[in-house]
Amino acid sequence: MGLLEKVRNKRNEMVFEALAKKISSSLAAFCEGIPLADGEKEMAVMLSPRKDDTTVYLVALNEHGQIVRVATRYSGVELAALVGGKLKAAGVDLNGIGTASAMVEPLNETDDERIG
């Protein structure tokens, strides 16, 4: 594996880790906004994949991790728009992620292979 590939992989790993943390915190904020009833320990995000879309449920869990109730339901598109808006407000440029890979280039291909 060349140096360029190592740099790209490391960059992608860091970008996606940061993006995952931002998405996780946004989803946690959605869950915290829903009050718990008696016998409910926490709210969780549950995915229900389908071919045409991914339905996302916010569900209440009891102390055994069993689903007690479905608090709310979003289509994947709706939730992506909500989370994307919050990420954009936090300064995360989702459009720039795909184009960022074109910015890292080795100075010399032969050096790239020799170092890697």
PDB file of N, CA and C in Angstrom:
ATOM      1  N   MET A   1       0.859  -1.178   0.000  1.00  0.00           N
ATOM      2  CA  MET A   1       0.000   0.000   0.000  1.00  0.00           C
ATOM      3  C   MET A   1       0.897   1.230   0.000  1.00  0.00           C
ATOM      4  N   GLY A   2       0.623   2.130  -0.879  1.00  0.00           N
ATOM      5  CA  GLY A   2       1.432   3.324  -1.003  1.00  0.00           C
ATOM      6  C   GLY A   2       1.099   4.360   0.052  1.00  0.00           C
ATOM      7  N   LEU A   3       1.958   5.334   0.157  1.00  0.00           N
ATOM      8  CA  LEU A   3       1.779   6.408   1.120  1.00  0.00           C
ATOM      9  C   LEU A   3       0.484   7.172   0.866  1.00  0.00           C
ATOM     10  N   LEU A   4       0.184   7.421  -0.397  1.00  0.00           N
ATOM     11  CA  LEU A   4      -1.041   8.139  -0.740  1.00  0.00           C
ATOM     12  C   LEU A   4      -2.265   7.386  -0.222  1.00  0.00           C
ATOM     13  N   GLU A   5      -2.282   6.090  -0.420  1.00  0.00           N
ATOM     14  CA  GLU A   5      -3.412   5.272   0.049  1.00  0.00           C
ATOM     15  C   GLU A   5      -3.506   5.290   1.573  1.00  0.00           C
ATOM     16  N   LYS A   6      -2.361   5.250   2.251  1.00  0.00           N
ATOM     17  CA  LYS A   6      -2.345   5.305   3.721  1.00  0.00           C
ATOM     18  C   LYS A   6      -2.882   6.642   4.218  1.00  0.00           C
ATOM     19  N   VAL A   7      -2.476   7.720   3.559  1.00  0.00           N
ATOM     20  CA  VAL A   7      -2.944   9.057   3.943  1.00  0.00           C
ATOM     21  C   VAL A   7      -4.449   9.166   3.719  1.00  0.00           C
ATOM     22  N   ARG A   8      -4.919   8.694   2.583  1.00  0.00           N
ATOM     23  CA  ARG A   8      -6.362   8.742   2.298  1.00  0.00           C
ATOM     24  C   ARG A   8      -7.152   7.926   3.317  1.00  0.00           C
ATOM     25  N   ASN A   9      -6.672   6.728   3.626  1.00  0.00           N
ATOM     26  CA  ASN A   9      -7.376   5.877   4.595  1.00  0.00           C
ATOM     27  C   ASN A   9      -7.426   6.530   5.971  1.00  0.00           C
ATOM     28  N   LYS A  10      -6.306   7.103   6.404  1.00  0.00           N
ATOM     29  CA  LYS A  10      -6.264   7.759   7.715  1.00  0.00           C
ATOM     30  C   LYS A  10      -7.188   8.969   7.737  1.00  0.00           C
ATOM     31  N   ARG A  11      -7.156   9.759   6.658  1.00  0.00           N
ATOM     32  CA  ARG A  11      -8.034  10.934   6.582  1.00  0.00           C
ATOM     33  C   ARG A  11      -9.493  10.520   6.619  1.00  0.00           C
ATOM     34  N   ASN A  12      -9.836   9.496   5.822  1.00  0.00           N
ATOM     35  CA  ASN A  12     -11.217   9.020   5.802  1.00  0.00           C
ATOM     36  C   ASN A  12     -11.638   8.513   7.179  1.00  0.00           C
ATOM     37  N   GLU A  13     -10.746   7.792   7.846  1.00  0.00           N
ATOM     38  CA  GLU A  13     -11.046   7.276   9.180  1.00  0.00           C
ATOM     39  C   GLU A  13     -11.329   8.418  10.150  1.00  0.00           C
ATOM     40  N   MET A  14     -10.515   9.460  10.108  1.00  0.00           N
ATOM     41  CA  MET A  14     -10.695  10.602  11.006  1.00  0.00           C
ATOM     42  C   MET A  14     -11.965  11.378  10.672  1.00  0.00           C
ATOM     43  N   VAL A  15     -12.226  11.587   9.383  1.00  0.00           N
ATOM     44  CA  VAL A  15     -13.426  12.320   8.975  1.00  0.00           C
ATOM     45  C   VAL A  15     -14.683  11.562   9.388  1.00  0.00           C
ATOM     46  N   PHE A  16     -14.715  10.269   9.114  1.00  0.00           N
ATOM     47  CA  PHE A  16     -15.910   9.496   9.442  1.00  0.00           C
ATOM     48  C   PHE A  16     -16.088   9.319  10.940  1.00  0.00           C
ATOM     49  N   GLU A  17     -14.994   9.256  11.693  1.00  0.00           N
ATOM     50  CA  GLU A  17     -15.105   9.186  13.148  1.00  0.00           C
ATOM     51  C   GLU A  17     -15.710  10.474  13.696  1.00  0.00           C
ATOM     52  N   ALA A  18     -15.228  11.609  13.198  1.00  0.00           N
ATOM     53  CA  ALA A  18     -15.775  12.897  13.630  1.00  0.00           C
ATOM     54  C   ALA A  18     -17.231  13.033  13.206  1.00  0.00           C
ATOM     55  N   LEU A  19     -17.547  12.596  11.992  1.00  0.00           N
ATOM     56  CA  LEU A  19     -18.922  12.661  11.505  1.00  0.00           C
ATOM     57  C   LEU A  19     -19.835  11.756  12.334  1.00  0.00           C
ATOM     58  N   ALA A  20     -19.363  10.564  12.674  1.00  0.00           N
ATOM     59  CA  ALA A  20     -20.155   9.636  13.492  1.00  0.00           C
ATOM     60  C   ALA A  20     -20.442  10.238  14.865  1.00  0.00           C
ATOM     61  N   LYS A  21     -19.452  10.919  15.445  1.00  0.00           N
ATOM     62  CA  LYS A  21     -19.662  11.554  16.753  1.00  0.00           C
ATOM     63  C   LYS A  21     -20.701  12.666  16.661  1.00  0.00           C
ATOM     64  N   LYS A  22     -20.634  13.455  15.585  1.00  0.00           N
ATOM     65  CA  LYS A  22     -21.611  14.534  15.414  1.00  0.00           C
ATOM     66  C   LYS A  22     -23.019  13.970  15.216  1.00  0.00           C
ATOM     67  N   ILE A  23     -23.139  12.942  14.384  1.00  0.00           N
ATOM     68  CA  ILE A  23     -24.446  12.324  14.159  1.00  0.00           C
ATOM     69  C   ILE A  23     -24.959  11.708  15.446  1.00  0.00           C
ATOM     70  N   SER A  24     -24.083  11.031  16.182  1.00  0.00           N
ATOM     71  CA  SER A  24     -24.482  10.408  17.439  1.00  0.00           C
ATOM     72  C   SER A  24     -24.982  11.449  18.438  1.00  0.00           C
ATOM     73  N   SER A  25     -24.283  12.575  18.536  1.00  0.00           N
ATOM     74  CA  SER A  25     -24.725  13.608  19.479  1.00  0.00           C
ATOM     75  C   SER A  25     -26.046  14.228  19.038  1.00  0.00           C
ATOM     76  N   SER A  26     -26.252  14.368  17.728  1.00  0.00           N
ATOM     77  CA  SER A  26     -27.537  14.892  17.245  1.00  0.00           C
ATOM     78  C   SER A  26     -28.668  13.921  17.538  1.00  0.00           C
ATOM     79  N   LEU A  27     -28.430  12.624  17.332  1.00  0.00           N
ATOM     80  CA  LEU A  27     -29.448  11.626  17.646  1.00  0.00           C
ATOM     81  C   LEU A  27     -29.715  11.563  19.149  1.00  0.00           C
ATOM     82  N   ALA A  28     -28.669  11.720  19.948  1.00  0.00           N
ATOM     83  CA  ALA A  28     -28.852  11.737  21.403  1.00  0.00           C
ATOM     84  C   ALA A  28     -29.723  12.923  21.819  1.00  0.00           C
ATOM     85  N   ALA A  29     -29.540  14.061  21.157  1.00  0.00           N
ATOM     86  CA  ALA A  29     -30.367  15.233  21.456  1.00  0.00           C
ATOM     87  C   ALA A  29     -31.835  14.965  21.111  1.00  0.00           C
ATOM     88  N   PHE A  30     -32.088  14.240  19.996  1.00  0.00           N
ATOM     89  CA  PHE A  30     -33.460  13.859  19.663  1.00  0.00           C
ATOM     90  C   PHE A  30     -34.046  12.989  20.768  1.00  0.00           C
ATOM     91  N   CYS A  31     -33.272  12.022  21.233  1.00  0.00           N
ATOM     92  CA  CYS A  31     -33.751  11.091  22.262  1.00  0.00           C
ATOM     93  C   CYS A  31     -34.011  11.794  23.585  1.00  0.00           C
ATOM     94  N   GLU A  32     -33.152  12.741  23.950  1.00  0.00           N
ATOM     95  CA  GLU A  32     -33.315  13.450  25.216  1.00  0.00           C
ATOM     96  C   GLU A  32     -34.553  14.338  25.221  1.00  0.00           C
ATOM     97  N   GLY A  33     -35.011  14.727  24.057  1.00  0.00           N
ATOM     98  CA  GLY A  33     -36.178  15.594  23.973  1.00  0.00           C
ATOM     99  C   GLY A  33     -37.499  14.876  24.208  1.00  0.00           C
ATOM    100  N   ILE A  34     -37.467  13.562  24.315  1.00  0.00           N
ATOM    101  CA  ILE A  34     -38.688  12.784  24.502  1.00  0.00           C
ATOM    102  C   ILE A  34     -38.738  12.309  25.951  1.00  0.00           C
ATOM    103  N   PRO A  35     -39.787  12.679  26.691  1.00  0.00           N
ATOM    104  CA  PRO A  35     -39.870  12.290  28.104  1.00  0.00           C
ATOM    105  C   PRO A  35     -40.099  10.782  28.261  1.00  0.00           C
ATOM    106  N   LEU A  36     -39.543  10.245  29.348  1.00  0.00           N
ATOM    107  CA  LEU A  36     -39.720   8.832  29.666  1.00  0.00           C
ATOM    108  C   LEU A  36     -40.923   8.642  30.574  1.00  0.00           C
ATOM    109  N   ALA A  37     -41.645   7.559  30.374  1.00  0.00           N
ATOM    110  CA  ALA A  37     -42.777   7.208  31.224  1.00  0.00           C
ATOM    111  C   ALA A  37     -42.303   6.222  32.295  1.00  0.00           C
ATOM    112  N   ASP A  38     -43.204   5.832  33.174  1.00  0.00           N
ATOM    113  CA  ASP A  38     -42.868   4.868  34.219  1.00  0.00           C
ATOM    114  C   ASP A  38     -42.420   3.551  33.599  1.00  0.00           C
ATOM    115  N   GLY A  39     -41.357   2.980  34.132  1.00  0.00           N
ATOM    116  CA  GLY A  39     -40.844   1.710  33.638  1.00  0.00           C
ATOM    117  C   GLY A  39     -39.910   1.835  32.450  1.00  0.00           C
ATOM    118  N   GLU A  40     -39.688   3.042  31.975  1.00  0.00           N
ATOM    119  CA  GLU A  40     -38.775   3.255  30.844  1.00  0.00           C
ATOM    120  C   GLU A  40     -37.437   3.768  31.363  1.00  0.00           C
ATOM    121  N   LYS A  41     -36.370   3.140  30.907  1.00  0.00           N
ATOM    122  CA  LYS A  41     -35.032   3.510  31.374  1.00  0.00           C
ATOM    123  C   LYS A  41     -34.353   4.504  30.453  1.00  0.00           C
ATOM    124  N   GLU A  42     -34.473   4.298  29.122  1.00  0.00           N
ATOM    125  CA  GLU A  42     -33.790   5.178  28.176  1.00  0.00           C
ATOM    126  C   GLU A  42     -34.465   5.122  26.817  1.00  0.00           C
ATOM    127  N   MET A  43     -34.137   6.117  25.994  1.00  0.00           N
ATOM    128  CA  MET A  43     -34.589   6.146  24.608  1.00  0.00           C
ATOM    129  C   MET A  43     -33.448   5.638  23.739  1.00  0.00           C
ATOM    130  N   ALA A  44     -33.799   4.976  22.647  1.00  0.00           N
ATOM    131  CA  ALA A  44     -32.800   4.449  21.720  1.00  0.00           C
ATOM    132  C   ALA A  44     -33.275   4.660  20.291  1.00  0.00           C
ATOM    133  N   VAL A  45     -32.331   4.612  19.370  1.00  0.00           N
ATOM    134  CA  VAL A  45     -32.632   4.728  17.946  1.00  0.00           C
ATOM    135  C   VAL A  45     -32.661   3.318  17.369  1.00  0.00           C
ATOM    136  N   MET A  46     -33.731   2.993  16.660  1.00  0.00           N
ATOM    137  CA  MET A  46     -33.861   1.678  16.033  1.00  0.00           C
ATOM    138  C   MET A  46     -34.059   1.880  14.538  1.00  0.00           C
ATOM    139  N   LEU A  47     -33.290   1.145  13.733  1.00  0.00           N
ATOM    140  CA  LEU A  47     -33.394   1.236  12.275  1.00  0.00           C
ATOM    141  C   LEU A  47     -34.222   0.079  11.753  1.00  0.00           C
ATOM    142  N   SER A  48     -35.039   0.347  10.764  1.00  0.00           N
ATOM    143  CA  SER A  48     -35.840  -0.679  10.109  1.00  0.00           C
ATOM    144  C   SER A  48     -35.601  -0.566   8.611  1.00  0.00           C
ATOM    145  N   PRO A  49     -34.569  -1.244   8.106  1.00  0.00           N
ATOM    146  CA  PRO A  49     -34.213  -1.074   6.685  1.00  0.00           C
ATOM    147  C   PRO A  49     -35.215  -1.709   5.733  1.00  0.00           C
ATOM    148  N   ARG A  50     -35.476  -1.004   4.648  1.00  0.00           N
ATOM    149  CA  ARG A  50     -36.291  -1.499   3.538  1.00  0.00           C
ATOM    150  C   ARG A  50     -35.543  -1.180   2.265  1.00  0.00           C
ATOM    151  N   LYS A  51     -36.017  -1.708   1.176  1.00  0.00           N
ATOM    152  CA  LYS A  51     -35.337  -1.445  -0.097  1.00  0.00           C
ATOM    153  C   LYS A  51     -35.454   0.009  -0.528  1.00  0.00           C
ATOM    154  N   ASP A  52     -36.609   0.616  -0.312  1.00  0.00           N
ATOM    155  CA  ASP A  52     -36.832   1.970  -0.816  1.00  0.00           C
ATOM    156  C   ASP A  52     -36.422   3.063   0.169  1.00  0.00           C
ATOM    157  N   ASP A  53     -36.307   2.751   1.446  1.00  0.00           N
ATOM    158  CA  ASP A  53     -35.969   3.756   2.444  1.00  0.00           C
ATOM    159  C   ASP A  53     -35.599   3.050   3.740  1.00  0.00           C
ATOM    160  N   THR A  54     -35.087   3.789   4.675  1.00  0.00           N
ATOM    161  CA  THR A  54     -34.789   3.259   6.000  1.00  0.00           C
ATOM    162  C   THR A  54     -35.648   4.018   6.993  1.00  0.00           C
ATOM    163  N   THR A  55     -36.531   3.317   7.653  1.00  0.00           N
ATOM    164  CA  THR A  55     -37.356   3.939   8.673  1.00  0.00           C
ATOM    165  C   THR A  55     -36.578   3.937   9.983  1.00  0.00           C
ATOM    166  N   VAL A  56     -36.597   5.065  10.672  1.00  0.00           N
ATOM    167  CA  VAL A  56     -35.873   5.221  11.930  1.00  0.00           C
ATOM    168  C   VAL A  56     -36.899   5.481  13.024  1.00  0.00           C
ATOM    169  N   TYR A  57     -36.831   4.680  14.080  1.00  0.00           N
ATOM    170  CA  TYR A  57     -37.736   4.819  15.211  1.00  0.00           C
ATOM    171  C   TYR A  57     -36.961   5.264  16.437  1.00  0.00           C
ATOM    172  N   LEU A  58     -37.558   6.135  17.238  1.00  0.00           N
ATOM    173  CA  LEU A  58     -37.054   6.417  18.567  1.00  0.00           C
ATOM    174  C   LEU A  58     -37.938   5.611  19.505  1.00  0.00           C
ATOM    175  N   VAL A  59     -37.327   4.669  20.221  1.00  0.00           N
ATOM    176  CA  VAL A  59     -38.081   3.743  21.062  1.00  0.00           C
ATOM    177  C   VAL A  59     -37.649   3.875  22.511  1.00  0.00           C
ATOM    178  N   ALA A  60     -38.580   3.581  23.415  1.00  0.00           N
ATOM    179  CA  ALA A  60     -38.296   3.576  24.848  1.00  0.00           C
ATOM    180  C   ALA A  60     -37.964   2.151  25.261  1.00  0.00           C
ATOM    181  N   LEU A  61     -36.890   2.024  26.045  1.00  0.00           N
ATOM    182  CA  LEU A  61     -36.456   0.711  26.524  1.00  0.00           C
ATOM    183  C   LEU A  61     -36.637   0.612  28.035  1.00  0.00           C
ATOM    184  N   ASN A  62     -36.931  -0.603  28.505  1.00  0.00           N
ATOM    185  CA  ASN A  62     -36.985  -0.814  29.951  1.00  0.00           C
ATOM    186  C   ASN A  62     -35.602  -1.218  30.447  1.00  0.00           C
ATOM    187  N   GLU A  63     -35.489  -1.563  31.727  1.00  0.00           N
ATOM    188  CA  GLU A  63     -34.170  -1.879  32.290  1.00  0.00           C
ATOM    189  C   GLU A  63     -33.563  -3.166  31.734  1.00  0.00           C
ATOM    190  N   HIS A  64     -34.366  -3.987  31.054  1.00  0.00           N
ATOM    191  CA  HIS A  64     -33.884  -5.224  30.438  1.00  0.00           C
ATOM    192  C   HIS A  64     -33.544  -5.034  28.962  1.00  0.00           C
ATOM    193  N   GLY A  65     -33.670  -3.815  28.454  1.00  0.00           N
ATOM    194  CA  GLY A  65     -33.365  -3.536  27.051  1.00  0.00           C
ATOM    195  C   GLY A  65     -34.486  -3.896  26.104  1.00  0.00           C
ATOM    196  N   GLN A  66     -35.675  -4.173  26.620  1.00  0.00           N
ATOM    197  CA  GLN A  66     -36.821  -4.502  25.780  1.00  0.00           C
ATOM    198  C   GLN A  66     -37.550  -3.227  25.378  1.00  0.00           C
ATOM    199  N   ILE A  67     -38.077  -3.224  24.160  1.00  0.00           N
ATOM    200  CA  ILE A  67     -38.822  -2.061  23.678  1.00  0.00           C
ATOM    201  C   ILE A  67     -40.171  -2.007  24.380  1.00  0.00           C
ATOM    202  N   VAL A  68     -40.440  -0.867  25.016  1.00  0.00           N
ATOM    203  CA  VAL A  68     -41.699  -0.659  25.728  1.00  0.00           C
ATOM    204  C   VAL A  68     -42.705   0.059  24.829  1.00  0.00           C
ATOM    205  N   ARG A  69     -42.210   1.057  24.081  1.00  0.00           N
ATOM    206  CA  ARG A  69     -43.087   1.802  23.173  1.00  0.00           C
ATOM    207  C   ARG A  69     -42.266   2.465  22.082  1.00  0.00           C
ATOM    208  N   VAL A  70     -42.937   2.779  20.997  1.00  0.00           N
ATOM    209  CA  VAL A  70     -42.329   3.559  19.920  1.00  0.00           C
ATOM    210  C   VAL A  70     -42.742   5.001  20.157  1.00  0.00           C
ATOM    211  N   ALA A  71     -41.757   5.861  20.400  1.00  0.00           N
ATOM    212  CA  ALA A  71     -42.054   7.257  20.709  1.00  0.00           C
ATOM    213  C   ALA A  71     -42.319   8.071  19.453  1.00  0.00           C
ATOM    214  N   THR A  72     -41.514   7.859  18.431  1.00  0.00           N
ATOM    215  CA  THR A  72     -41.700   8.595  17.183  1.00  0.00           C
ATOM    216  C   THR A  72     -41.053   7.826  16.045  1.00  0.00           C
ATOM    217  N   ARG A  73     -41.440   8.156  14.830  1.00  0.00           N
ATOM    218  CA  ARG A  73     -40.945   7.466  13.641  1.00  0.00           C
ATOM    219  C   ARG A  73     -40.580   8.497  12.583  1.00  0.00           C
ATOM    220  N   TYR A  74     -39.438   8.293  11.940  1.00  0.00           N
ATOM    221  CA  TYR A  74     -38.997   9.149  10.846  1.00  0.00           C
ATOM    222  C   TYR A  74     -38.650   8.267   9.660  1.00  0.00           C
ATOM    223  N   SER A  75     -38.844   8.785   8.462  1.00  0.00           N
ATOM    224  CA  SER A  75     -38.252   8.098   7.308  1.00  0.00           C
ATOM    225  C   SER A  75     -36.770   8.458   7.325  1.00  0.00           C
ATOM    226  N   GLY A  76     -35.959   7.660   6.680  1.00  0.00           N
ATOM    227  CA  GLY A  76     -34.529   7.952   6.629  1.00  0.00           C
ATOM    228  C   GLY A  76     -34.253   9.310   6.021  1.00  0.00           C
ATOM    229  N   VAL A  77     -35.046   9.683   5.030  1.00  0.00           N
ATOM    230  CA  VAL A  77     -34.866  10.978   4.365  1.00  0.00           C
ATOM    231  C   VAL A  77     -35.168  12.121   5.328  1.00  0.00           C
ATOM    232  N   GLU A  78     -36.268  11.990   6.097  1.00  0.00           N
ATOM    233  CA  GLU A  78     -36.628  13.030   7.060  1.00  0.00           C
ATOM    234  C   GLU A  78     -35.534  13.200   8.116  1.00  0.00           C
ATOM    235  N   LEU A  79     -35.076  12.080   8.667  1.00  0.00           N
ATOM    236  CA  LEU A  79     -34.074  12.157   9.716  1.00  0.00           C
ATOM    237  C   LEU A  79     -32.746  12.687   9.173  1.00  0.00           C
ATOM    238  N   ALA A  80     -32.383  12.286   7.964  1.00  0.00           N
ATOM    239  CA  ALA A  80     -31.148  12.797   7.357  1.00  0.00           C
ATOM    240  C   ALA A  80     -31.228  14.310   7.189  1.00  0.00           C
ATOM    241  N   ALA A  81     -32.394  14.816   6.799  1.00  0.00           N
ATOM    242  CA  ALA A  81     -32.565  16.262   6.647  1.00  0.00           C
ATOM    243  C   ALA A  81     -32.452  16.969   7.999  1.00  0.00           C
ATOM    244  N   LEU A  82     -33.074  16.396   9.038  1.00  0.00           N
ATOM    245  CA  LEU A  82     -33.005  17.002  10.369  1.00  0.00           C
ATOM    246  C   LEU A  82     -31.581  16.986  10.908  1.00  0.00           C
ATOM    247  N   VAL A  83     -30.934  15.826  10.857  1.00  0.00           N
ATOM    248  CA  VAL A  83     -29.569  15.703  11.370  1.00  0.00           C
ATOM    249  C   VAL A  83     -28.614  16.516  10.507  1.00  0.00           C
ATOM    250  N   GLY A  84     -28.806  16.482   9.176  1.00  0.00           N
ATOM    251  CA  GLY A  84     -27.953  17.263   8.281  1.00  0.00           C
ATOM    252  C   GLY A  84     -28.031  18.746   8.576  1.00  0.00           C
ATOM    253  N   GLY A  85     -29.235  19.235   8.869  1.00  0.00           N
ATOM    254  CA  GLY A  85     -29.398  20.648   9.224  1.00  0.00           C
ATOM    255  C   GLY A  85     -28.658  21.001  10.503  1.00  0.00           C
ATOM    256  N   LYS A  86     -28.725  20.103  11.487  1.00  0.00           N
ATOM    257  CA  LYS A  86     -28.022  20.349  12.742  1.00  0.00           C
ATOM    258  C   LYS A  86     -26.507  20.288  12.544  1.00  0.00           C
ATOM    259  N   LEU A  87     -26.050  19.358  11.706  1.00  0.00           N
ATOM    260  CA  LEU A  87     -24.614  19.271  11.429  1.00  0.00           C
ATOM    261  C   LEU A  87     -24.122  20.512  10.700  1.00  0.00           C
ATOM    262  N   LYS A  88     -24.927  20.978   9.754  1.00  0.00           N
ATOM    263  CA  LYS A  88     -24.554  22.185   9.014  1.00  0.00           C
ATOM    264  C   LYS A  88     -24.484  23.378   9.957  1.00  0.00           C
ATOM    265  N   ALA A  89     -25.451  23.469  10.892  1.00  0.00           N
ATOM    266  CA  ALA A  89     -25.445  24.549  11.868  1.00  0.00           C
ATOM    267  C   ALA A  89     -24.224  24.462  12.784  1.00  0.00           C
ATOM    268  N   ALA A  90     -23.717  23.227  13.002  1.00  0.00           N
ATOM    269  CA  ALA A  90     -22.530  23.034  13.838  1.00  0.00           C
ATOM    270  C   ALA A  90     -21.240  23.260  13.069  1.00  0.00           C
ATOM    271  N   GLY A  91     -21.343  23.524  11.759  1.00  0.00           N
ATOM    272  CA  GLY A  91     -20.158  23.819  10.966  1.00  0.00           C
ATOM    273  C   GLY A  91     -19.568  22.626  10.227  1.00  0.00           C
ATOM    274  N   VAL A  92     -20.283  21.502  10.159  1.00  0.00           N
ATOM    275  CA  VAL A  92     -19.782  20.337   9.432  1.00  0.00           C
ATOM    276  C   VAL A  92     -20.236  20.443   7.988  1.00  0.00           C
ATOM    277  N   ASP A  93     -19.277  20.440   7.061  1.00  0.00           N
ATOM    278  CA  ASP A  93     -19.577  20.546   5.640  1.00  0.00           C
ATOM    279  C   ASP A  93     -19.707  19.152   5.045  1.00  0.00           C
ATOM    280  N   LEU A  94     -20.941  18.652   4.936  1.00  0.00           N
ATOM    281  CA  LEU A  94     -21.166  17.315   4.398  1.00  0.00           C
ATOM    282  C   LEU A  94     -20.838  17.240   2.918  1.00  0.00           C
ATOM    283  N   ASN A  95     -21.017  18.324   2.180  1.00  0.00           N
ATOM    284  CA  ASN A  95     -20.713  18.327   0.745  1.00  0.00           C
ATOM    285  C   ASN A  95     -19.214  18.248   0.501  1.00  0.00           C
ATOM    286  N   GLY A  96     -18.417  18.749   1.409  1.00  0.00           N
ATOM    287  CA  GLY A  96     -16.978  18.765   1.232  1.00  0.00           C
ATOM    288  C   GLY A  96     -16.301  17.439   1.501  1.00  0.00           C
ATOM    289  N   ILE A  97     -17.011  16.489   2.108  1.00  0.00           N
ATOM    290  CA  ILE A  97     -16.387  15.216   2.454  1.00  0.00           C
ATOM    291  C   ILE A  97     -15.968  14.463   1.204  1.00  0.00           C
ATOM    292  N   GLY A  98     -16.819  14.380   0.215  1.00  0.00           N
ATOM    293  CA  GLY A  98     -16.486  13.644  -1.000  1.00  0.00           C
ATOM    294  C   GLY A  98     -15.398  14.310  -1.818  1.00  0.00           C
ATOM    295  N   THR A  99     -15.351  15.628  -1.822  1.00  0.00           N
ATOM    296  CA  THR A  99     -14.355  16.327  -2.628  1.00  0.00           C
ATOM    297  C   THR A  99     -13.026  16.477  -1.913  1.00  0.00           C
ATOM    298  N   ALA A 100     -12.980  16.222  -0.617  1.00  0.00           N
ATOM    299  CA  ALA A 100     -11.735  16.399   0.136  1.00  0.00           C
ATOM    300  C   ALA A 100     -10.673  15.396  -0.279  1.00  0.00           C
ATOM    301  N   SER A 101     -11.068  14.230  -0.758  1.00  0.00           N
ATOM    302  CA  SER A 101     -10.084  13.214  -1.128  1.00  0.00           C
ATOM    303  C   SER A 101      -9.233  13.658  -2.310  1.00  0.00           C
ATOM    304  N   ALA A 102      -9.728  14.544  -3.127  1.00  0.00           N
ATOM    305  CA  ALA A 102      -8.967  15.012  -4.293  1.00  0.00           C
ATOM    306  C   ALA A 102      -7.871  15.994  -3.895  1.00  0.00           C
ATOM    307  N   MET A 103      -7.890  16.462  -2.649  1.00  0.00           N
ATOM    308  CA  MET A 103      -6.936  17.478  -2.232  1.00  0.00           C
ATOM    309  C   MET A 103      -5.594  16.887  -1.802  1.00  0.00           C
ATOM    310  N   VAL A 104      -5.501  15.613  -1.454  1.00  0.00           N
ATOM    311  CA  VAL A 104      -4.262  15.014  -0.975  1.00  0.00           C
ATOM    312  C   VAL A 104      -3.626  14.250  -2.115  1.00  0.00           C
ATOM    313  N   GLU A 105      -2.492  14.717  -2.580  1.00  0.00           N
ATOM    314  CA  GLU A 105      -1.771  14.079  -3.681  1.00  0.00           C
ATOM    315  C   GLU A 105      -0.299  13.971  -3.313  1.00  0.00           C
ATOM    316  N   PRO A 106       0.362  12.880  -3.687  1.00  0.00           N
ATOM    317  CA  PRO A 106       1.797  12.760  -3.409  1.00  0.00           C
ATOM    318  C   PRO A 106       2.588  13.681  -4.330  1.00  0.00           C
ATOM    319  N   LEU A 107       3.772  14.051  -3.864  1.00  0.00           N
ATOM    320  CA  LEU A 107       4.629  14.894  -4.688  1.00  0.00           C
ATOM    321  C   LEU A 107       5.262  14.097  -5.812  1.00  0.00           C
ATOM    322  N   ASN A 108       5.551  12.810  -5.556  1.00  0.00           N
ATOM    323  CA  ASN A 108       6.230  11.993  -6.538  1.00  0.00           C
ATOM    324  C   ASN A 108       5.732  10.555  -6.387  1.00  0.00           C
ATOM    325  N   GLU A 109       5.222   9.952  -7.432  1.00  0.00           N
ATOM    326  CA  GLU A 109       4.684   8.583  -7.356  1.00  0.00           C
ATOM    327  C   GLU A 109       5.730   7.581  -6.930  1.00  0.00           C
ATOM    328  N   THR A 110       6.978   7.729  -7.397  1.00  0.00           N
ATOM    329  CA  THR A 110       8.008   6.765  -7.030  1.00  0.00           C
ATOM    330  C   THR A 110       8.343   6.882  -5.554  1.00  0.00           C
ATOM    331  N   ASP A 111       8.366   8.083  -4.995  1.00  0.00           N
ATOM    332  CA  ASP A 111       8.598   8.251  -3.571  1.00  0.00           C
ATOM    333  C   ASP A 111       7.482   7.635  -2.769  1.00  0.00           C
ATOM    334  N   ASP A 112       6.260   7.765  -3.291  1.00  0.00           N
ATOM    335  CA  ASP A 112       5.084   7.218  -2.605  1.00  0.00           C
ATOM    336  C   ASP A 112       5.230   5.718  -2.414  1.00  0.00           C
ATOM    337  N   GLU A 113       5.600   4.989  -3.448  1.00  0.00           N
ATOM    338  CA  GLU A 113       5.729   3.538  -3.365  1.00  0.00           C
ATOM    339  C   GLU A 113       6.926   3.121  -2.533  1.00  0.00           C
ATOM    340  N   ARG A 114       8.021   3.872  -2.605  1.00  0.00           N
ATOM    341  CA  ARG A 114       9.237   3.525  -1.872  1.00  0.00           C
ATOM    342  C   ARG A 114       9.038   3.666  -0.369  1.00  0.00           C
ATOM    343  N   ILE A 115       8.326   4.711   0.042  1.00  0.00           N
ATOM    344  CA  ILE A 115       8.103   4.964   1.474  1.00  0.00           C
ATOM    345  C   ILE A 115       7.097   3.962   2.026  1.00  0.00           C
ATOM    346  N   GLY A 116       6.004   3.691   1.274  1.00  0.00           N
ATOM    347  CA  GLY A 116       4.918   2.839   1.729  1.00  0.00           C
ATOM    348  C   GLY A 116       5.347   1.435   1.792  1.00  0.00           C
TER     349      GLY A 116
END
